[in-house]
């Protein structure tokens, strides 16, 4: 039988462990800004497996797709690995440098609130544009994110032609 002090110690341990943040997990119900910060941390400041990062943060496209879920998560993981190595994916205009979020330098802004000079030609309706967030460093965009259902639907894009429309890469 447990003594009173043993019961208190066990309860305290449970409470402390429950209060610790879940490292490498997408924050459930958090703001898009918190989700993006957490993703950037997992992407650039941990050694977490790229596939685990993809499964924790990436929302798979709901459009019927012949590729299996595992294949699509692996494609996202490959993209994450390339970003970690500083490599570009296709003709992406996003910055590929590692990003350590610094609140005095970086901001995450809704697409609808950024200066029109750094807006992209995104073929989305207004409701969809409200799901786009931009990581800005000293007034310059570093990366665009498309958020849906508290997951990242896209963290990179491709542009058709010079100044043409932008298409978010989804999995």
N, C-alpha and C. Protein backbone atom coordinates (compact mmCIF):
# COMPACT_ATOMS: atom_id res chain seq x y z
N UNK A 1 0.84 -1.18 0.00
CA UNK A 1 0.00 0.00 0.00
C UNK A 1 0.89 1.25 0.00
N UNK A 2 0.49 2.22 -0.78
CA UNK A 2 1.27 3.45 -0.90
C UNK A 2 1.00 4.37 0.28
N UNK A 3 2.07 4.98 0.76
CA UNK A 3 1.90 5.96 1.83
C UNK A 3 1.34 7.26 1.24
N UNK A 4 0.92 8.13 2.09
CA UNK A 4 0.38 9.42 1.69
C UNK A 4 1.41 10.19 0.85
N UNK A 5 2.68 10.19 1.28
CA UNK A 5 3.72 10.93 0.58
C UNK A 5 4.04 10.30 -0.77
N UNK A 6 3.98 8.98 -0.88
CA UNK A 6 4.21 8.32 -2.16
C UNK A 6 3.10 8.69 -3.15
N UNK A 7 1.86 8.75 -2.67
CA UNK A 7 0.74 9.13 -3.52
C UNK A 7 0.90 10.55 -4.01
N UNK A 8 1.31 11.45 -3.13
CA UNK A 8 1.53 12.85 -3.50
C UNK A 8 2.66 12.94 -4.53
N UNK A 9 3.74 12.17 -4.33
CA UNK A 9 4.87 12.21 -5.26
C UNK A 9 4.45 11.70 -6.64
N UNK A 10 3.67 10.63 -6.69
CA UNK A 10 3.20 10.10 -7.96
C UNK A 10 2.30 11.11 -8.66
N UNK A 11 1.37 11.70 -7.91
CA UNK A 11 0.46 12.70 -8.48
C UNK A 11 1.24 13.91 -8.99
N UNK A 12 2.22 14.37 -8.22
CA UNK A 12 3.04 15.51 -8.65
C UNK A 12 3.80 15.17 -9.93
N UNK A 13 4.34 13.96 -10.01
CA UNK A 13 5.05 13.53 -11.22
C UNK A 13 4.15 13.52 -12.43
N UNK A 14 2.94 13.04 -12.26
CA UNK A 14 1.98 13.01 -13.37
C UNK A 14 1.64 14.43 -13.81
N UNK A 15 1.41 15.31 -12.85
CA UNK A 15 1.08 16.69 -13.19
C UNK A 15 2.24 17.38 -13.90
N UNK A 16 3.46 17.15 -13.44
CA UNK A 16 4.63 17.79 -14.05
C UNK A 16 4.82 17.26 -15.47
N UNK A 17 4.74 15.94 -15.65
CA UNK A 17 4.91 15.39 -16.99
C UNK A 17 3.81 15.86 -17.93
N UNK A 18 2.61 15.98 -17.43
CA UNK A 18 1.50 16.45 -18.26
C UNK A 18 1.64 17.90 -18.65
N UNK A 19 2.36 18.67 -17.84
CA UNK A 19 2.52 20.10 -18.12
C UNK A 19 3.66 20.38 -19.10
N UNK A 20 4.56 19.41 -19.29
CA UNK A 20 5.67 19.62 -20.21
C UNK A 20 5.16 19.74 -21.63
N UNK A 21 5.74 20.64 -22.43
CA UNK A 21 5.30 20.75 -23.82
C UNK A 21 5.66 19.48 -24.58
N UNK A 22 4.88 19.21 -25.57
CA UNK A 22 5.12 18.03 -26.39
C UNK A 22 6.09 18.43 -27.50
N UNK A 23 7.35 18.09 -27.33
CA UNK A 23 8.38 18.46 -28.29
C UNK A 23 8.16 17.72 -29.60
N UNK A 24 8.18 18.47 -30.69
CA UNK A 24 8.08 17.85 -32.00
C UNK A 24 6.67 17.49 -32.41
N UNK A 25 5.70 17.94 -31.68
CA UNK A 25 4.30 17.67 -32.03
C UNK A 25 3.63 18.97 -32.42
N UNK A 26 2.74 18.89 -33.38
CA UNK A 26 1.98 20.07 -33.77
C UNK A 26 1.08 20.46 -32.62
N UNK A 27 1.08 21.73 -32.22
CA UNK A 27 0.24 22.16 -31.11
C UNK A 27 -1.24 22.13 -31.50
N UNK A 28 -1.99 21.27 -30.86
CA UNK A 28 -3.41 21.10 -31.20
C UNK A 28 -4.19 22.32 -30.74
N UNK A 29 -4.96 22.89 -31.66
CA UNK A 29 -5.81 24.02 -31.33
C UNK A 29 -5.07 25.34 -31.14
N UNK A 30 -3.79 25.37 -31.44
CA UNK A 30 -3.02 26.60 -31.30
C UNK A 30 -3.19 27.47 -32.52
N UNK A 31 -2.71 28.67 -32.42
CA UNK A 31 -2.79 29.61 -33.54
C UNK A 31 -1.89 29.15 -34.68
N UNK A 32 -2.19 29.62 -35.90
CA UNK A 32 -1.29 29.31 -37.02
C UNK A 32 0.14 29.77 -36.75
N UNK A 33 0.30 30.89 -36.07
CA UNK A 33 1.63 31.40 -35.75
C UNK A 33 2.39 30.41 -34.87
N UNK A 34 1.72 29.87 -33.85
CA UNK A 34 2.37 28.89 -32.97
C UNK A 34 2.70 27.61 -33.72
N UNK A 35 1.79 27.18 -34.60
CA UNK A 35 2.02 25.99 -35.41
C UNK A 35 3.27 26.18 -36.28
N UNK A 36 3.38 27.32 -36.92
CA UNK A 36 4.53 27.59 -37.81
C UNK A 36 5.82 27.66 -37.00
N UNK A 37 5.80 28.32 -35.86
CA UNK A 37 7.00 28.39 -35.01
C UNK A 37 7.43 26.99 -34.57
N UNK A 38 6.47 26.18 -34.18
CA UNK A 38 6.76 24.81 -33.74
C UNK A 38 7.33 23.98 -34.90
N UNK A 39 6.76 24.14 -36.08
CA UNK A 39 7.25 23.44 -37.28
C UNK A 39 8.68 23.87 -37.59
N UNK A 40 8.95 25.16 -37.57
CA UNK A 40 10.31 25.65 -37.84
C UNK A 40 11.30 25.10 -36.84
N UNK A 41 10.89 25.03 -35.58
CA UNK A 41 11.76 24.47 -34.54
C UNK A 41 12.06 23.01 -34.86
N UNK A 42 11.02 22.22 -35.15
CA UNK A 42 11.21 20.80 -35.46
C UNK A 42 12.06 20.63 -36.71
N UNK A 43 11.87 21.52 -37.67
CA UNK A 43 12.57 21.43 -38.96
C UNK A 43 14.06 21.74 -38.82
N UNK A 44 14.39 22.81 -38.12
CA UNK A 44 15.76 23.30 -38.13
C UNK A 44 16.53 23.16 -36.82
N UNK A 45 15.84 22.92 -35.72
CA UNK A 45 16.56 22.92 -34.44
C UNK A 45 16.51 21.58 -33.72
N UNK A 46 16.00 20.56 -34.36
CA UNK A 46 16.00 19.23 -33.76
C UNK A 46 16.58 18.24 -34.76
N UNK A 47 16.87 17.08 -34.28
CA UNK A 47 17.32 16.00 -35.16
C UNK A 47 16.18 15.03 -35.41
N UNK A 48 14.96 15.50 -35.19
CA UNK A 48 13.80 14.65 -35.39
C UNK A 48 13.74 14.15 -36.82
N UNK A 49 13.43 12.89 -36.98
CA UNK A 49 13.33 12.28 -38.29
C UNK A 49 12.37 13.07 -39.18
N UNK A 50 12.76 13.29 -40.43
CA UNK A 50 11.95 14.09 -41.36
C UNK A 50 10.56 13.50 -41.55
N UNK A 51 10.44 12.19 -41.56
CA UNK A 51 9.13 11.56 -41.71
C UNK A 51 8.25 11.85 -40.49
N UNK A 52 8.84 11.85 -39.31
CA UNK A 52 8.09 12.18 -38.09
C UNK A 52 7.62 13.63 -38.13
N UNK A 53 8.49 14.53 -38.60
CA UNK A 53 8.10 15.94 -38.73
C UNK A 53 6.92 16.05 -39.69
N UNK A 54 7.01 15.36 -40.82
CA UNK A 54 5.93 15.41 -41.81
C UNK A 54 4.63 14.91 -41.20
N UNK A 55 4.67 13.79 -40.51
CA UNK A 55 3.44 13.22 -39.94
C UNK A 55 2.86 14.10 -38.83
N UNK A 56 3.72 14.80 -38.10
CA UNK A 56 3.24 15.66 -37.02
C UNK A 56 2.65 16.98 -37.51
N UNK A 57 3.16 17.50 -38.62
CA UNK A 57 2.80 18.85 -39.02
C UNK A 57 2.07 18.98 -40.35
N UNK A 58 2.27 18.06 -41.27
CA UNK A 58 1.76 18.22 -42.63
C UNK A 58 0.37 17.62 -42.77
N UNK A 59 -0.51 18.40 -43.36
CA UNK A 59 -1.87 17.93 -43.69
C UNK A 59 -1.85 17.43 -45.11
N UNK A 60 -2.28 16.20 -45.30
CA UNK A 60 -2.34 15.66 -46.65
C UNK A 60 -3.52 16.26 -47.39
N UNK A 61 -3.35 16.45 -48.69
CA UNK A 61 -4.40 16.99 -49.54
C UNK A 61 -5.59 16.05 -49.51
N UNK A 62 -6.78 16.60 -49.36
CA UNK A 62 -7.98 15.77 -49.29
C UNK A 62 -8.52 15.38 -50.66
N UNK A 63 -7.94 15.93 -51.71
CA UNK A 63 -8.35 15.57 -53.07
C UNK A 63 -8.03 14.10 -53.31
N UNK A 64 -8.97 13.36 -53.90
CA UNK A 64 -8.66 11.94 -54.18
C UNK A 64 -7.34 11.83 -54.93
N UNK A 65 -6.52 10.91 -54.46
CA UNK A 65 -5.16 10.81 -54.96
C UNK A 65 -4.80 9.34 -55.07
N UNK A 66 -4.15 8.96 -56.16
CA UNK A 66 -3.78 7.56 -56.34
C UNK A 66 -2.57 7.16 -55.51
N UNK A 67 -1.82 8.16 -55.02
CA UNK A 67 -0.67 7.84 -54.19
C UNK A 67 -1.13 7.50 -52.77
N UNK A 68 -0.51 6.53 -52.15
CA UNK A 68 -0.90 6.12 -50.80
C UNK A 68 -0.51 7.21 -49.79
N UNK A 69 -1.09 7.12 -48.63
CA UNK A 69 -0.78 8.06 -47.55
C UNK A 69 0.71 7.99 -47.22
N UNK A 70 1.26 6.78 -47.13
CA UNK A 70 2.68 6.62 -46.81
C UNK A 70 3.57 7.28 -47.86
N UNK A 71 3.21 7.13 -49.12
CA UNK A 71 4.00 7.73 -50.21
C UNK A 71 3.94 9.25 -50.13
N UNK A 72 2.77 9.79 -49.81
CA UNK A 72 2.64 11.25 -49.73
C UNK A 72 3.40 11.81 -48.52
N UNK A 73 3.33 11.11 -47.38
CA UNK A 73 4.12 11.56 -46.23
C UNK A 73 5.61 11.46 -46.53
N UNK A 74 6.02 10.44 -47.25
CA UNK A 74 7.43 10.29 -47.61
C UNK A 74 7.86 11.42 -48.54
N UNK A 75 6.99 11.84 -49.46
CA UNK A 75 7.30 12.97 -50.34
C UNK A 75 7.50 14.25 -49.51
N UNK A 76 6.66 14.46 -48.52
CA UNK A 76 6.82 15.62 -47.64
C UNK A 76 8.12 15.50 -46.85
N UNK A 77 8.44 14.31 -46.38
CA UNK A 77 9.68 14.09 -45.63
C UNK A 77 10.89 14.37 -46.52
N UNK A 78 10.83 13.95 -47.77
CA UNK A 78 11.94 14.24 -48.70
C UNK A 78 12.11 15.74 -48.89
N UNK A 79 11.01 16.46 -48.99
CA UNK A 79 11.04 17.92 -49.12
C UNK A 79 11.67 18.54 -47.87
N UNK A 80 11.28 18.04 -46.70
CA UNK A 80 11.83 18.53 -45.43
C UNK A 80 13.34 18.28 -45.40
N UNK A 81 13.78 17.11 -45.83
CA UNK A 81 15.21 16.80 -45.86
C UNK A 81 15.95 17.77 -46.77
N UNK A 82 15.37 18.07 -47.92
CA UNK A 82 16.01 19.02 -48.84
C UNK A 82 16.12 20.41 -48.20
N UNK A 83 15.06 20.83 -47.51
CA UNK A 83 15.12 22.14 -46.85
C UNK A 83 16.21 22.16 -45.78
N UNK A 84 16.32 21.08 -45.03
CA UNK A 84 17.36 21.01 -43.99
C UNK A 84 18.75 21.11 -44.60
N UNK A 85 18.89 20.63 -45.82
CA UNK A 85 20.18 20.68 -46.52
C UNK A 85 20.37 22.00 -47.27
N UNK A 86 19.37 22.88 -47.22
CA UNK A 86 19.47 24.17 -47.90
C UNK A 86 19.26 24.10 -49.39
N UNK A 87 18.64 23.01 -49.85
CA UNK A 87 18.41 22.85 -51.29
C UNK A 87 17.04 23.37 -51.68
N UNK A 88 16.95 23.83 -52.91
CA UNK A 88 15.70 24.34 -53.46
C UNK A 88 14.89 23.19 -54.04
N UNK A 89 13.60 23.34 -54.00
CA UNK A 89 12.70 22.36 -54.60
C UNK A 89 12.10 23.00 -55.83
N UNK A 90 12.49 22.53 -57.01
CA UNK A 90 11.95 23.10 -58.24
C UNK A 90 12.32 24.57 -58.37
N UNK A 91 11.35 25.36 -58.78
CA UNK A 91 11.55 26.80 -58.99
C UNK A 91 10.98 27.61 -57.83
N UNK A 92 11.06 27.07 -56.64
CA UNK A 92 10.53 27.75 -55.47
C UNK A 92 11.22 29.09 -55.26
N UNK A 93 10.44 30.05 -54.84
CA UNK A 93 10.99 31.38 -54.55
C UNK A 93 11.21 31.57 -53.05
N UNK A 94 10.82 30.58 -52.24
CA UNK A 94 11.02 30.66 -50.80
C UNK A 94 12.50 30.64 -50.47
N UNK A 95 12.85 31.22 -49.36
CA UNK A 95 14.22 31.15 -48.87
C UNK A 95 14.49 29.72 -48.41
N UNK A 96 15.67 29.22 -48.69
CA UNK A 96 16.02 27.87 -48.28
C UNK A 96 17.05 27.86 -47.17
N UNK A 97 17.31 29.02 -46.58
CA UNK A 97 18.27 29.05 -45.48
C UNK A 97 17.59 28.54 -44.21
N UNK A 98 18.37 27.89 -43.33
CA UNK A 98 17.79 27.46 -42.06
C UNK A 98 17.24 28.65 -41.28
N UNK A 99 16.09 28.47 -40.66
CA UNK A 99 15.43 29.57 -39.97
C UNK A 99 15.31 29.25 -38.48
N UNK A 100 15.92 30.08 -37.67
CA UNK A 100 15.73 30.03 -36.22
C UNK A 100 14.90 31.26 -35.90
N UNK A 101 13.66 31.03 -35.46
CA UNK A 101 12.74 32.13 -35.23
C UNK A 101 13.23 33.01 -34.08
N UNK A 102 13.40 34.29 -34.37
CA UNK A 102 13.80 35.29 -33.38
C UNK A 102 12.71 36.36 -33.37
N UNK A 103 11.98 36.49 -32.26
CA UNK A 103 10.83 37.42 -32.23
C UNK A 103 11.16 38.86 -32.61
N UNK A 104 12.38 39.31 -32.34
CA UNK A 104 12.72 40.70 -32.68
C UNK A 104 13.07 40.87 -34.16
N UNK A 105 13.27 39.76 -34.87
CA UNK A 105 13.66 39.80 -36.28
C UNK A 105 12.56 39.28 -37.19
N UNK A 106 11.87 38.23 -36.73
CA UNK A 106 10.88 37.54 -37.55
C UNK A 106 9.46 37.85 -37.08
N UNK A 107 8.57 37.82 -38.05
CA UNK A 107 7.13 37.95 -37.77
C UNK A 107 6.40 36.96 -38.65
N UNK A 108 5.29 36.47 -38.15
CA UNK A 108 4.41 35.62 -38.95
C UNK A 108 3.11 36.40 -39.12
N UNK A 109 2.81 36.72 -40.36
CA UNK A 109 1.67 37.58 -40.65
C UNK A 109 0.68 36.88 -41.56
N UNK A 110 -0.61 37.15 -41.35
CA UNK A 110 -1.59 36.65 -42.32
C UNK A 110 -1.31 37.29 -43.68
N UNK A 111 -1.49 36.52 -44.73
CA UNK A 111 -1.25 37.00 -46.09
C UNK A 111 -2.02 38.29 -46.37
N UNK A 112 -3.23 38.36 -45.85
CA UNK A 112 -4.09 39.51 -46.11
C UNK A 112 -3.58 40.78 -45.43
N UNK A 113 -2.61 40.66 -44.53
CA UNK A 113 -2.09 41.83 -43.81
C UNK A 113 -0.69 42.24 -44.24
N UNK A 114 -0.12 41.55 -45.23
CA UNK A 114 1.23 41.93 -45.64
C UNK A 114 1.17 43.01 -46.72
N UNK A 115 2.26 43.71 -46.85
CA UNK A 115 2.38 44.78 -47.84
C UNK A 115 2.14 44.21 -49.24
N UNK A 116 1.39 44.91 -50.04
CA UNK A 116 1.08 44.42 -51.39
C UNK A 116 2.34 44.21 -52.23
N UNK A 117 3.43 44.88 -51.88
CA UNK A 117 4.67 44.73 -52.64
C UNK A 117 5.28 43.33 -52.49
N UNK A 118 4.95 42.62 -51.40
CA UNK A 118 5.52 41.28 -51.23
C UNK A 118 4.46 40.18 -51.37
N UNK A 119 3.30 40.56 -51.87
CA UNK A 119 2.26 39.56 -52.11
C UNK A 119 2.57 38.78 -53.38
N UNK A 120 2.12 37.55 -53.40
CA UNK A 120 2.29 36.68 -54.56
C UNK A 120 1.02 36.67 -55.38
N UNK A 121 1.13 36.28 -56.64
CA UNK A 121 -0.04 36.10 -57.49
C UNK A 121 -0.61 34.71 -57.18
N UNK A 122 -1.37 34.64 -56.11
CA UNK A 122 -1.90 33.36 -55.64
C UNK A 122 -3.32 33.17 -56.17
N UNK A 123 -3.55 32.10 -56.96
CA UNK A 123 -4.89 31.88 -57.50
C UNK A 123 -5.82 31.23 -56.47
N UNK A 124 -6.10 31.95 -55.40
CA UNK A 124 -6.96 31.46 -54.34
C UNK A 124 -8.09 32.45 -54.11
N UNK A 125 -9.22 31.97 -53.63
CA UNK A 125 -10.29 32.88 -53.27
C UNK A 125 -9.97 33.52 -51.91
N UNK A 126 -10.77 34.50 -51.51
CA UNK A 126 -10.48 35.23 -50.27
C UNK A 126 -10.48 34.33 -49.04
N UNK A 127 -11.39 33.34 -49.00
CA UNK A 127 -11.42 32.42 -47.86
C UNK A 127 -10.12 31.62 -47.78
N UNK A 128 -9.63 31.17 -48.92
CA UNK A 128 -8.39 30.41 -48.95
C UNK A 128 -7.20 31.31 -48.60
N UNK A 129 -7.21 32.54 -49.08
CA UNK A 129 -6.12 33.46 -48.77
C UNK A 129 -6.02 33.72 -47.27
N UNK A 130 -7.14 33.60 -46.56
CA UNK A 130 -7.10 33.81 -45.11
C UNK A 130 -6.36 32.67 -44.42
N UNK A 131 -6.05 31.60 -45.13
CA UNK A 131 -5.29 30.48 -44.57
C UNK A 131 -3.79 30.55 -44.90
N UNK A 132 -3.38 31.60 -45.60
CA UNK A 132 -1.97 31.74 -45.98
C UNK A 132 -1.30 32.68 -44.97
N UNK A 133 -0.13 32.24 -44.49
CA UNK A 133 0.65 33.03 -43.55
C UNK A 133 2.06 33.16 -44.09
N UNK A 134 2.68 34.30 -43.77
CA UNK A 134 3.99 34.61 -44.32
C UNK A 134 4.98 34.83 -43.18
N UNK A 135 6.09 34.12 -43.25
CA UNK A 135 7.19 34.35 -42.32
C UNK A 135 8.03 35.46 -42.91
N UNK A 136 8.13 36.56 -42.19
CA UNK A 136 8.82 37.75 -42.67
C UNK A 136 10.04 38.02 -41.79
N UNK A 137 11.16 38.35 -42.44
CA UNK A 137 12.37 38.71 -41.72
C UNK A 137 12.76 40.12 -42.14
N UNK A 138 12.74 41.04 -41.20
CA UNK A 138 13.07 42.43 -41.49
C UNK A 138 12.31 42.97 -42.70
N UNK A 139 11.02 42.66 -42.77
CA UNK A 139 10.17 43.18 -43.83
C UNK A 139 10.20 42.40 -45.14
N UNK A 140 11.02 41.34 -45.22
CA UNK A 140 11.11 40.55 -46.45
C UNK A 140 10.57 39.14 -46.20
N UNK A 141 9.76 38.64 -47.13
CA UNK A 141 9.20 37.30 -46.93
C UNK A 141 10.27 36.22 -47.07
N UNK A 142 10.25 35.27 -46.12
CA UNK A 142 11.16 34.12 -46.20
C UNK A 142 10.43 32.86 -46.67
N UNK A 143 9.20 32.71 -46.20
CA UNK A 143 8.47 31.48 -46.51
C UNK A 143 6.98 31.73 -46.34
N UNK A 144 6.22 31.12 -47.24
CA UNK A 144 4.76 31.20 -47.21
C UNK A 144 4.23 29.84 -46.77
N UNK A 145 3.21 29.86 -45.93
CA UNK A 145 2.59 28.64 -45.41
C UNK A 145 1.10 28.67 -45.70
N UNK A 146 0.55 27.52 -46.08
CA UNK A 146 -0.89 27.37 -46.27
C UNK A 146 -1.37 26.43 -45.16
N UNK A 147 -2.23 26.95 -44.29
CA UNK A 147 -2.67 26.23 -43.09
C UNK A 147 -4.13 25.80 -43.25
N UNK A 148 -4.41 24.55 -42.93
CA UNK A 148 -5.78 24.04 -42.91
C UNK A 148 -5.91 23.04 -41.78
N UNK A 149 -7.01 23.09 -41.06
CA UNK A 149 -7.29 22.12 -40.00
C UNK A 149 -6.14 21.99 -39.01
N UNK A 150 -5.54 23.12 -38.63
CA UNK A 150 -4.43 23.17 -37.69
C UNK A 150 -3.23 22.31 -38.10
N UNK A 151 -3.05 22.18 -39.40
CA UNK A 151 -1.88 21.49 -39.96
C UNK A 151 -1.38 22.34 -41.12
N UNK A 152 -0.17 22.08 -41.54
CA UNK A 152 0.42 22.81 -42.65
C UNK A 152 0.14 22.05 -43.93
N UNK A 153 -0.71 22.62 -44.77
CA UNK A 153 -1.02 21.99 -46.05
C UNK A 153 0.12 22.18 -47.04
N UNK A 154 0.82 23.30 -46.92
CA UNK A 154 1.95 23.57 -47.79
C UNK A 154 2.93 24.51 -47.11
N UNK A 155 4.21 24.22 -47.29
CA UNK A 155 5.25 25.10 -46.77
C UNK A 155 6.20 25.52 -47.89
N UNK A 156 5.75 25.32 -49.13
CA UNK A 156 6.55 25.74 -50.28
C UNK A 156 5.61 25.92 -51.47
N UNK A 157 6.08 26.60 -52.48
CA UNK A 157 5.26 26.85 -53.66
C UNK A 157 6.14 26.88 -54.89
N UNK A 158 5.49 26.83 -56.03
CA UNK A 158 6.17 26.95 -57.31
C UNK A 158 5.46 28.03 -58.11
N UNK A 159 6.22 28.73 -58.93
CA UNK A 159 5.67 29.81 -59.74
C UNK A 159 5.73 29.40 -61.21
N UNK A 160 4.63 29.60 -61.90
CA UNK A 160 4.60 29.30 -63.33
C UNK A 160 5.06 30.53 -64.09
N UNK A 161 6.19 30.44 -64.74
CA UNK A 161 6.71 31.56 -65.52
C UNK A 161 7.18 32.70 -64.64
N UNK A 162 7.66 33.73 -65.25
CA UNK A 162 8.14 34.90 -64.52
C UNK A 162 6.95 35.75 -64.09
N UNK A 163 6.73 35.83 -62.80
CA UNK A 163 5.63 36.63 -62.28
C UNK A 163 4.27 36.01 -62.47
N UNK A 164 4.25 34.74 -62.87
CA UNK A 164 2.97 34.05 -63.08
C UNK A 164 2.33 33.64 -61.77
N UNK A 165 1.23 32.92 -61.88
CA UNK A 165 0.56 32.50 -60.65
C UNK A 165 1.41 31.53 -59.84
N UNK A 166 1.16 31.52 -58.55
CA UNK A 166 1.87 30.68 -57.61
C UNK A 166 0.97 29.50 -57.23
N UNK A 167 1.57 28.32 -57.18
CA UNK A 167 0.85 27.11 -56.78
C UNK A 167 1.52 26.51 -55.57
N UNK A 168 0.77 26.36 -54.50
CA UNK A 168 1.31 25.75 -53.30
C UNK A 168 1.50 24.26 -53.53
N UNK A 169 2.63 23.73 -53.04
CA UNK A 169 2.92 22.31 -53.15
C UNK A 169 2.22 21.60 -52.00
N UNK A 170 1.36 20.66 -52.34
CA UNK A 170 0.67 19.88 -51.30
C UNK A 170 0.96 18.41 -51.51
N UNK A 171 0.66 17.63 -50.52
CA UNK A 171 1.01 16.20 -50.56
C UNK A 171 -0.21 15.33 -50.43
